[in-house]
Protein backbone atom coordinates (compact mmCIF):
# COMPACT_ATOMS: atom_id res chain seq x y z
CA MET A 1 35.06 -47.34 40.00
CA VAL A 2 31.29 -46.97 40.09
CA GLN A 3 30.06 -44.80 37.22
CA LYS A 4 26.90 -42.76 37.59
CA LYS A 5 23.97 -44.00 35.57
CA GLU A 6 22.83 -41.11 33.42
CA VAL A 7 19.44 -41.08 31.77
CA ILE A 8 19.75 -40.59 28.02
CA ASP A 9 17.11 -39.81 25.41
CA LEU A 10 16.28 -42.06 22.49
CA TYR A 11 15.79 -40.94 18.89
CA THR A 12 14.39 -42.29 15.65
CA ALA A 13 16.65 -42.95 12.65
CA ASP A 14 15.79 -39.39 11.53
CA ARG A 15 17.00 -38.00 14.90
CA ILE A 16 13.53 -37.18 16.12
CA PRO A 17 13.24 -37.52 19.92
CA THR A 18 10.94 -40.42 20.83
CA GLY A 19 10.21 -39.28 24.39
CA GLN A 20 11.69 -42.58 25.61
CA THR A 21 14.86 -42.92 27.68
CA ILE A 22 17.32 -45.55 28.81
CA LEU A 23 20.12 -45.61 31.34
CA ARG A 24 23.61 -44.97 30.04
CA GLY A 25 25.25 -48.31 29.32
CA ASP A 26 21.98 -49.99 28.36
CA LYS A 27 21.46 -50.96 24.73
CA PRO A 28 18.70 -49.03 22.95
CA PRO A 29 15.76 -51.09 21.68
CA ALA A 30 15.82 -51.96 17.97
CA GLY A 31 15.05 -48.95 15.80
CA MET A 32 16.03 -46.42 18.48
CA TYR A 33 19.27 -44.52 18.82
CA ARG A 34 21.35 -42.56 21.34
CA LEU A 35 23.42 -39.40 20.91
CA VAL A 36 27.13 -39.04 21.66
CA VAL A 37 29.30 -35.94 21.18
CA HIS A 38 33.02 -35.36 20.74
CA VAL A 39 34.83 -32.02 20.82
CA CYS A 40 38.22 -31.67 19.14
CA ILE A 41 40.17 -28.63 20.28
CA PHE A 42 43.03 -27.43 18.08
CA ASN A 43 45.65 -24.81 18.81
CA SER A 44 47.07 -22.27 16.36
CA LYS A 45 49.97 -24.66 15.65
CA GLY A 46 47.50 -27.20 14.23
CA GLU A 47 47.83 -29.64 17.14
CA MET A 48 44.86 -31.37 18.76
CA LEU A 49 44.39 -31.41 22.52
CA ILE A 50 44.07 -35.07 23.48
CA GLN A 51 43.07 -36.60 26.78
CA LYS A 52 44.17 -39.78 28.50
CA ARG A 53 41.27 -41.65 30.01
CA LYS A 54 41.59 -42.84 33.61
CA ASP A 55 42.70 -46.44 34.11
CA ASP A 56 39.56 -47.32 36.06
CA ILE A 57 37.00 -45.91 33.64
CA VAL A 58 34.59 -48.44 32.09
CA ARG A 59 35.15 -47.85 28.36
CA TRP A 60 38.65 -47.58 26.86
CA PRO A 61 40.51 -47.34 30.20
CA GLY A 62 43.99 -45.84 29.93
CA TYR A 63 43.63 -44.96 26.23
CA TRP A 64 44.27 -41.56 24.70
CA ASP A 65 41.24 -39.93 23.02
CA VAL A 66 40.23 -36.69 21.32
CA SER A 67 39.79 -33.60 23.54
CA VAL A 68 36.30 -34.33 24.93
CA GLY A 69 33.65 -37.00 24.56
CA GLY A 70 30.44 -38.17 26.17
CA HIS A 71 26.77 -39.02 25.96
CA ALA A 72 24.04 -36.44 25.63
CA SER A 73 22.04 -36.63 28.86
CA SER A 74 18.27 -36.54 28.83
CA GLY A 75 17.13 -33.07 27.78
CA ASP A 76 20.45 -32.18 26.13
CA THR A 77 20.73 -31.03 22.58
CA SER A 78 23.89 -31.97 20.73
CA SER A 79 25.40 -28.52 21.34
CA SER A 80 24.39 -28.36 25.01
CA ALA A 81 25.93 -31.82 25.54
CA ALA A 82 29.16 -30.64 23.88
CA GLN A 83 29.18 -27.53 26.09
CA ARG A 84 28.48 -29.55 29.27
CA GLU A 85 31.06 -32.25 28.51
CA THR A 86 33.75 -29.65 27.72
CA LYS A 87 33.09 -27.95 31.07
CA GLU A 88 32.99 -31.26 32.98
CA GLU A 89 36.08 -32.87 31.45
CA LEU A 90 38.37 -29.88 30.93
CA GLY A 91 36.89 -27.06 33.02
CA LEU A 92 36.47 -24.90 29.90
CA SER A 93 33.35 -22.75 29.59
CA ILE A 94 32.64 -22.46 25.88
CA GLU A 95 29.36 -21.37 24.31
CA PHE A 96 28.25 -23.79 21.61
CA ASP A 97 25.09 -21.89 20.60
CA GLU A 98 26.49 -20.98 17.17
CA VAL A 99 28.77 -24.01 16.74
CA ARG A 100 27.65 -26.86 14.54
CA PRO A 101 29.21 -30.30 14.34
CA VAL A 102 31.58 -30.74 11.40
CA LEU A 103 30.67 -34.41 11.12
CA THR A 104 28.12 -36.91 12.38
CA VAL A 105 29.25 -40.51 12.48
CA GLN A 106 26.53 -43.12 12.61
CA PHE A 107 27.23 -46.23 14.64
CA PRO A 108 24.93 -49.25 15.12
CA ASP A 109 22.87 -47.77 17.97
CA GLY A 110 23.45 -44.04 17.73
CA PHE A 111 24.79 -40.81 16.32
CA ASP A 112 28.16 -39.25 17.20
CA ASP A 113 28.50 -35.51 16.53
CA PHE A 114 32.06 -34.19 16.21
CA TYR A 115 32.72 -30.51 16.94
CA VAL A 116 35.97 -28.75 16.03
CA LEU A 117 37.21 -25.64 17.83
CA GLN A 118 40.41 -23.63 17.63
CA ILE A 119 41.50 -22.37 21.04
CA ASP A 120 44.98 -21.85 22.42
CA VAL A 121 44.87 -23.14 25.98
CA ASP A 122 47.59 -24.17 28.40
CA PRO A 123 47.00 -27.84 29.29
CA GLU A 124 48.56 -27.20 32.71
CA GLY A 125 45.84 -24.65 33.49
CA LEU A 126 42.87 -26.92 32.77
CA ASN A 127 40.66 -28.26 35.54
CA LEU A 128 40.46 -31.95 34.58
CA GLN A 129 37.57 -34.15 35.66
CA LYS A 130 39.21 -36.38 38.28
CA GLU A 131 36.83 -39.30 37.68
CA GLU A 132 37.48 -39.58 33.94
CA VAL A 133 40.55 -37.68 32.69
CA ALA A 134 44.09 -38.62 33.76
CA ALA A 135 46.05 -36.18 31.59
CA VAL A 136 45.91 -33.92 28.53
CA GLN A 137 48.53 -32.86 25.99
CA TRP A 138 48.84 -31.35 22.52
CA ALA A 139 49.53 -33.81 19.68
CA SER A 140 50.13 -33.56 15.95
CA GLN A 141 48.25 -35.65 13.41
CA ALA A 142 51.34 -37.82 12.91
CA GLU A 143 51.64 -38.38 16.67
CA ILE A 144 47.98 -39.43 16.93
CA ASP A 145 48.37 -41.78 13.95
CA ALA A 146 51.41 -43.35 15.64
CA MET A 147 49.43 -43.73 18.88
CA ILE A 148 46.63 -45.48 16.97
CA ASP A 149 49.26 -47.80 15.45
CA ASP A 150 50.86 -48.60 18.82
CA GLY A 151 47.50 -49.21 20.51
CA SER A 152 47.64 -46.34 23.01
CA PHE A 153 44.91 -44.25 21.30
CA ILE A 154 41.29 -45.34 20.86
CA PRO A 155 41.34 -47.16 17.50
CA TYR A 156 39.49 -44.60 15.41
CA GLN A 157 39.85 -44.96 11.66
CA LYS A 158 42.76 -42.79 10.58
CA GLY A 159 40.49 -41.27 7.92
CA LEU A 160 38.36 -39.80 10.71
CA ILE A 161 41.42 -38.25 12.35
CA ASP A 162 42.53 -36.96 8.92
CA TYR A 163 39.14 -35.32 8.41
CA LEU A 164 39.12 -33.72 11.86
CA PHE A 165 42.54 -32.17 11.19
CA PHE A 166 41.38 -31.05 7.74
CA SER A 167 38.15 -29.53 9.08
CA ARG A 168 39.95 -27.31 11.58
CA SER A 169 40.92 -25.07 8.68
CA GLY A 170 37.29 -24.16 8.03
CA LYS A 171 37.71 -25.30 4.42
CA SER A 172 35.59 -28.41 4.92
CA THR A 173 32.36 -26.81 3.72
CA TRP A 174 30.93 -27.56 0.34
CA ASN A 175 29.12 -25.06 -1.84
CA ILE A 176 26.04 -27.06 -2.74
CA GLY A 177 23.81 -24.04 -3.53
C-alpha cells in the first residue's frame, strides 16, 4: 500500500515551531522534533476502544493499538491533530478545543501527546478509515495487558497503559498550587 506523504512541522526541544518541515517518514535533523498524538476513548464501563491496524500499513501492521493515533500535519496544533485523526480514523466529530493531553511522552525525535476521553459509542456504528483501520472493539485493561504479552498489541510499556486507565477517572491531576 502506498501511504501519502504528509508534510509535518518541526519543533525545538521546548516545543517551539521552527518554521521547518519534513515529509512524514523522514527523520528530523538533530535537535529538531516532530509531534504525534494519540486519543484513548473509554466507555462508562471503564473499557478502552482499541483499533486493529490494517495488515498492509507501514508501521505496526496487523497490531492492535489505542483508539486513535497519528502525526500532526503541518499547521496542526496538538488538539487540532487529535480532532482530525479522530474524525479520519473513526468518523467521530469531537471538539478538542478545551481538551488537554493527560500525558506527553518524549521519544528520541518527537513528542507524543495522549488525550483521554469518555464517550459511549457503538463500535459497529463507527465509520472506520479503510486505509488504516481494520477493526475496533472495547477492551479492559487486563485484556490489553494480555494482548501486549501475546504480541498482538503494539508493545507499549504496561505502565503507560496503567496510567491511561487511571487518568480516565479525572483523578490524575496534582494540586501543585
